[in-house]
PDB file of N, CA and C in Angstrom:
ATOM      1  N   MET A   1       0.845  -1.170   0.000  1.00  0.00           N
ATOM      2  CA  MET A   1      -0.013  -0.047   0.012  1.00  0.00           C
ATOM      3  C   MET A   1       0.932   1.254   0.006  1.00  0.00           C
ATOM      4  N   GLN A   2       0.496   2.204  -0.738  1.00  0.00           N
ATOM      5  CA  GLN A   2       1.270   3.455  -0.858  1.00  0.00           C
ATOM      6  C   GLN A   2       1.061   4.342   0.380  1.00  0.00           C
ATOM      7  N   LYS A   3       2.139   4.944   0.794  1.00  0.00           N
ATOM      8  CA  LYS A   3       2.089   5.845   1.985  1.00  0.00           C
ATOM      9  C   LYS A   3       1.454   7.160   1.623  1.00  0.00           C
ATOM     10  N   ASP A   4       0.453   7.572   2.384  1.00  0.00           N
ATOM     11  CA  ASP A   4      -0.196   8.835   2.155  1.00  0.00           C
ATOM     12  C   ASP A   4       0.476   9.929   3.000  1.00  0.00           C
ATOM     13  N   GLU A   5       1.137  10.869   2.376  1.00  0.00           N
ATOM     14  CA  GLU A   5       1.888  11.887   3.150  1.00  0.00           C
ATOM     15  C   GLU A   5       0.987  12.796   3.992  1.00  0.00           C
ATOM     16  N   ILE A   6      -0.241  13.034   3.544  1.00  0.00           N
ATOM     17  CA  ILE A   6      -1.144  13.876   4.261  1.00  0.00           C
ATOM     18  C   ILE A   6      -1.591  13.159   5.605  1.00  0.00           C
ATOM     19  N   ILE A   7      -1.873  11.886   5.446  1.00  0.00           N
ATOM     20  CA  ILE A   7      -2.295  11.109   6.638  1.00  0.00           C
ATOM     21  C   ILE A   7      -1.118  11.026   7.554  1.00  0.00           C
ATOM     22  N   ALA A   8       0.057  10.789   7.084  1.00  0.00           N
ATOM     23  CA  ALA A   8       1.239  10.714   7.889  1.00  0.00           C
ATOM     24  C   ALA A   8       1.521  12.013   8.675  1.00  0.00           C
ATOM     25  N   GLU A   9       1.281  13.161   8.004  1.00  0.00           N
ATOM     26  CA  GLU A   9       1.481  14.433   8.731  1.00  0.00           C
ATOM     27  C   GLU A   9       0.388  14.623   9.793  1.00  0.00           C
ATOM     28  N   VAL A  10      -0.840  14.239   9.555  1.00  0.00           N
ATOM     29  CA  VAL A  10      -1.878  14.323  10.513  1.00  0.00           C
ATOM     30  C   VAL A  10      -1.503  13.477  11.740  1.00  0.00           C
ATOM     31  N   TRP A  11      -1.026  12.287  11.488  1.00  0.00           N
ATOM     32  CA  TRP A  11      -0.659  11.379  12.603  1.00  0.00           C
ATOM     33  C   TRP A  11       0.535  11.971  13.379  1.00  0.00           C
ATOM     34  N   ARG A  12       1.473  12.576  12.693  1.00  0.00           N
ATOM     35  CA  ARG A  12       2.659  13.188  13.416  1.00  0.00           C
ATOM     36  C   ARG A  12       2.126  14.318  14.291  1.00  0.00           C
ATOM     37  N   ASN A  13       1.270  15.149  13.758  1.00  0.00           N
ATOM     38  CA  ASN A  13       0.742  16.279  14.587  1.00  0.00           C
ATOM     39  C   ASN A  13      -0.080  15.744  15.756  1.00  0.00           C
ATOM     40  N   ARG A  14      -0.859  14.712  15.515  1.00  0.00           N
ATOM     41  CA  ARG A  14      -1.733  14.166  16.606  1.00  0.00           C
ATOM     42  C   ARG A  14      -0.792  13.605  17.686  1.00  0.00           C
ATOM     43  N   ASP A  15       0.262  12.864  17.280  1.00  0.00           N
ATOM     44  CA  ASP A  15       1.180  12.282  18.289  1.00  0.00           C
ATOM     45  C   ASP A  15       1.944  13.364  19.053  1.00  0.00           C
ATOM     46  N   ALA A  16       2.311  14.453  18.371  1.00  0.00           N
ATOM     47  CA  ALA A  16       3.048  15.540  19.008  1.00  0.00           C
ATOM     48  C   ALA A  16       2.141  16.228  20.074  1.00  0.00           C
ATOM     49  N   TYR A  17       0.853  16.418  19.703  1.00  0.00           N
ATOM     50  CA  TYR A  17      -0.089  17.051  20.603  1.00  0.00           C
ATOM     51  C   TYR A  17      -0.371  16.145  21.844  1.00  0.00           C
ATOM     52  N   ALA A  18      -0.474  14.875  21.603  1.00  0.00           N
ATOM     53  CA  ALA A  18      -0.728  13.917  22.689  1.00  0.00           C
ATOM     54  C   ALA A  18       0.544  13.860  23.602  1.00  0.00           C
ATOM     55  N   GLU A  19       1.716  13.836  22.997  1.00  0.00           N
ATOM     56  CA  GLU A  19       2.942  13.814  23.787  1.00  0.00           C
ATOM     57  C   GLU A  19       3.033  15.041  24.657  1.00  0.00           C
ATOM     58  N   LYS A  20       2.664  16.164  24.129  1.00  0.00           N
ATOM     59  CA  LYS A  20       2.698  17.397  24.877  1.00  0.00           C
ATOM     60  C   LYS A  20       1.923  17.367  26.146  1.00  0.00           C
ATOM     61  N   HIS A  21       0.869  16.563  26.140  1.00  0.00           N
ATOM     62  CA  HIS A  21       0.032  16.352  27.282  1.00  0.00           C
ATOM     63  C   HIS A  21       0.249  14.991  27.979  1.00  0.00           C
ATOM     64  N   HIS A  22       1.377  14.390  27.707  1.00  0.00           N
ATOM     65  CA  HIS A  22       1.817  13.149  28.338  1.00  0.00           C
ATOM     66  C   HIS A  22       0.823  12.047  28.126  1.00  0.00           C
ATOM     67  N   TYR A  23       0.171  12.039  26.961  1.00  0.00           N
ATOM     68  CA  TYR A  23      -0.821  11.069  26.589  1.00  0.00           C
ATOM     69  C   TYR A  23      -1.967  10.889  27.545  1.00  0.00           C
ATOM     70  N   ASN A  24      -2.227  11.982  28.280  1.00  0.00           N
ATOM     71  CA  ASN A  24      -3.293  11.946  29.298  1.00  0.00           C
ATOM     72  C   ASN A  24      -4.579  12.488  28.678  1.00  0.00           C
ATOM     73  N   LEU A  25      -5.547  11.648  28.494  1.00  0.00           N
ATOM     74  CA  LEU A  25      -6.795  12.059  27.802  1.00  0.00           C
ATOM     75  C   LEU A  25      -7.529  13.151  28.536  1.00  0.00           C
ATOM     76  N   ALA A  26      -7.552  13.129  29.805  1.00  0.00           N
ATOM     77  CA  ALA A  26      -8.210  14.179  30.597  1.00  0.00           C
ATOM     78  C   ALA A  26      -7.551  15.505  30.337  1.00  0.00           C
ATOM     79  N   ALA A  27      -6.227  15.539  30.298  1.00  0.00           N
ATOM     80  CA  ALA A  27      -5.446  16.759  30.014  1.00  0.00           C
ATOM     81  C   ALA A  27      -5.698  17.263  28.589  1.00  0.00           C
ATOM     82  N   ILE A  28      -5.821  16.362  27.666  1.00  0.00           N
ATOM     83  CA  ILE A  28      -6.077  16.743  26.256  1.00  0.00           C
ATOM     84  C   ILE A  28      -7.493  17.339  26.158  1.00  0.00           C
ATOM     85  N   VAL A  29      -8.473  16.713  26.785  1.00  0.00           N
ATOM     86  CA  VAL A  29      -9.837  17.266  26.676  1.00  0.00           C
ATOM     87  C   VAL A  29      -9.884  18.619  27.390  1.00  0.00           C
ATOM     88  N   ALA A  30      -9.247  18.729  28.516  1.00  0.00           N
ATOM     89  CA  ALA A  30      -9.248  20.048  29.232  1.00  0.00           C
ATOM     90  C   ALA A  30      -8.614  21.149  28.391  1.00  0.00           C
ATOM     91  N   ASP A  31      -7.483  20.803  27.699  1.00  0.00           N
ATOM     92  CA  ASP A  31      -6.887  21.783  26.860  1.00  0.00           C
ATOM     93  C   ASP A  31      -7.763  22.197  25.669  1.00  0.00           C
ATOM     94  N   LEU A  32      -8.407  21.225  25.033  1.00  0.00           N
ATOM     95  CA  LEU A  32      -9.333  21.481  23.949  1.00  0.00           C
ATOM     96  C   LEU A  32     -10.512  22.336  24.383  1.00  0.00           C
ATOM     97  N   GLN A  33     -11.022  22.098  25.555  1.00  0.00           N
ATOM     98  CA  GLN A  33     -12.125  22.931  26.095  1.00  0.00           C
ATOM     99  C   GLN A  33     -11.635  24.316  26.299  1.00  0.00           C
ATOM    100  N   ILE A  34     -10.479  24.525  26.855  1.00  0.00           N
ATOM    101  CA  ILE A  34      -9.949  25.926  27.044  1.00  0.00           C
ATOM    102  C   ILE A  34      -9.796  26.553  25.676  1.00  0.00           C
ATOM    103  N   ARG A  35      -9.182  25.874  24.731  1.00  0.00           N
ATOM    104  CA  ARG A  35      -9.022  26.459  23.425  1.00  0.00           C
ATOM    105  C   ARG A  35     -10.325  26.844  22.756  1.00  0.00           C
ATOM    106  N   GLN A  36     -11.357  25.945  22.937  1.00  0.00           N
ATOM    107  CA  GLN A  36     -12.647  26.210  22.371  1.00  0.00           C
ATOM    108  C   GLN A  36     -13.260  27.503  22.945  1.00  0.00           C
ATOM    109  N   LYS A  37     -13.078  27.752  24.248  1.00  0.00           N
ATOM    110  CA  LYS A  37     -13.625  28.950  24.793  1.00  0.00           C
ATOM    111  C   LYS A  37     -12.857  30.189  24.400  1.00  0.00           C
ATOM    112  N   LYS A  38     -11.551  30.076  24.180  1.00  0.00           N
ATOM    113  CA  LYS A  38     -10.750  31.299  23.804  1.00  0.00           C
ATOM    114  C   LYS A  38     -11.091  31.744  22.387  1.00  0.00           C
ATOM    115  N   ARG A  39     -11.194  30.794  21.528  1.00  0.00           N
ATOM    116  CA  ARG A  39     -11.488  31.118  20.119  1.00  0.00           C
ATOM    117  C   ARG A  39     -13.003  31.488  19.967  1.00  0.00           C
ATOM    118  N   GLU A  40     -13.162  32.485  19.227  1.00  0.00           N
ATOM    119  CA  GLU A  40     -14.566  32.902  18.926  1.00  0.00           C
ATOM    120  C   GLU A  40     -14.991  32.202  17.693  1.00  0.00           C
ATOM    121  N   CYS A  41     -15.143  30.865  17.792  1.00  0.00           N
ATOM    122  CA  CYS A  41     -15.604  30.118  16.679  1.00  0.00           C
ATOM    123  C   CYS A  41     -17.039  29.620  16.900  1.00  0.00           C
ATOM    124  N   LYS A  42     -17.743  29.429  15.811  1.00  0.00           N
ATOM    125  CA  LYS A  42     -19.093  28.964  15.958  1.00  0.00           C
ATOM    126  C   LYS A  42     -19.071  27.425  15.784  1.00  0.00           C
ATOM    127  N   LEU A  43     -19.617  26.778  16.784  1.00  0.00           N
ATOM    128  CA  LEU A  43     -19.694  25.321  16.796  1.00  0.00           C
ATOM    129  C   LEU A  43     -20.973  24.863  16.079  1.00  0.00           C
ATOM    130  N   VAL A  44     -20.889  23.757  15.425  1.00  0.00           N
ATOM    131  CA  VAL A  44     -22.076  23.152  14.773  1.00  0.00           C
ATOM    132  C   VAL A  44     -22.613  22.020  15.607  1.00  0.00           C
ATOM    133  N   ASP A  45     -23.881  22.097  15.880  1.00  0.00           N
ATOM    134  CA  ASP A  45     -24.541  21.032  16.635  1.00  0.00           C
ATOM    135  C   ASP A  45     -25.271  20.146  15.627  1.00  0.00           C
ATOM    136  N   ARG A  46     -24.678  19.008  15.322  1.00  0.00           N
ATOM    137  CA  ARG A  46     -25.259  18.116  14.293  1.00  0.00           C
ATOM    138  C   ARG A  46     -26.456  17.312  14.870  1.00  0.00           C
ATOM    139  N   ARG A  47     -26.698  17.367  16.169  1.00  0.00           N
ATOM    140  CA  ARG A  47     -27.823  16.633  16.709  1.00  0.00           C
ATOM    141  C   ARG A  47     -29.097  17.212  16.118  1.00  0.00           C
ATOM    142  N   ALA A  48     -29.238  18.502  15.989  1.00  0.00           N
ATOM    143  CA  ALA A  48     -30.426  19.147  15.414  1.00  0.00           C
ATOM    144  C   ALA A  48     -30.685  18.735  13.951  1.00  0.00           C
ATOM    145  N   THR A  49     -29.533  18.639  13.206  1.00  0.00           N
ATOM    146  CA  THR A  49     -29.620  18.186  11.841  1.00  0.00           C
ATOM    147  C   THR A  49     -30.045  16.735  11.760  1.00  0.00           C
ATOM    148  N   THR A  50     -29.569  15.922  12.602  1.00  0.00           N
ATOM    149  CA  THR A  50     -29.911  14.536  12.587  1.00  0.00           C
ATOM    150  C   THR A  50     -31.347  14.304  12.903  1.00  0.00           C
ATOM    151  N   LYS A  51     -31.896  15.016  13.860  1.00  0.00           N
ATOM    152  CA  LYS A  51     -33.298  14.872  14.271  1.00  0.00           C
ATOM    153  C   LYS A  51     -34.203  15.349  13.090  1.00  0.00           C
ATOM    154  N   ALA A  52     -33.850  16.418  12.441  1.00  0.00           N
ATOM    155  CA  ALA A  52     -34.673  16.916  11.315  1.00  0.00           C
ATOM    156  C   ALA A  52     -34.649  15.988  10.182  1.00  0.00           C
ATOM    157  N   SER A  53     -33.456  15.355   9.895  1.00  0.00           N
ATOM    158  CA  SER A  53     -33.448  14.435   8.761  1.00  0.00           C
ATOM    159  C   SER A  53     -34.145  13.148   9.113  1.00  0.00           C
ATOM    160  N   GLN A  54     -34.230  12.732  10.405  1.00  0.00           N
ATOM    161  CA  GLN A  54     -34.964  11.538  10.747  1.00  0.00           C
ATOM    162  C   GLN A  54     -36.475  11.721  10.572  1.00  0.00           C
ATOM    163  N   ARG A  55     -36.920  12.936  10.874  1.00  0.00           N
ATOM    164  CA  ARG A  55     -38.359  13.261  10.711  1.00  0.00           C
ATOM    165  C   ARG A  55     -38.788  13.190   9.290  1.00  0.00           C
ATOM    166  N   LYS A  56     -37.857  13.555   8.365  1.00  0.00           N
ATOM    167  CA  LYS A  56     -38.149  13.553   6.940  1.00  0.00           C
ATOM    168  C   LYS A  56     -38.099  12.099   6.368  1.00  0.00           C
ATOM    169  N   GLY A  57     -37.449  11.190   7.107  1.00  0.00           N
ATOM    170  CA  GLY A  57     -37.389   9.869   6.646  1.00  0.00           C
ATOM    171  C   GLY A  57     -36.149   9.561   5.865  1.00  0.00           C
ATOM    172  N   THR A  58     -35.147  10.466   5.890  1.00  0.00           N
ATOM    173  CA  THR A  58     -33.924  10.225   5.101  1.00  0.00           C
ATOM    174  C   THR A  58     -32.767   9.932   6.002  1.00  0.00           C
TER     175      THR A  58
END
């Protein structure tokens, strides 16, 4: 199988981020929650979309 450079880069970044937090899932989640609050980004709630599409039967 051919090596995908994009996937390899994503994995490297993921591993570096996890290593920064000593592979502690609670620390990773806490950091992401802090980052989420700092950035003024709009989050998408897909639960509403899922409920609407279920009502339509799709």
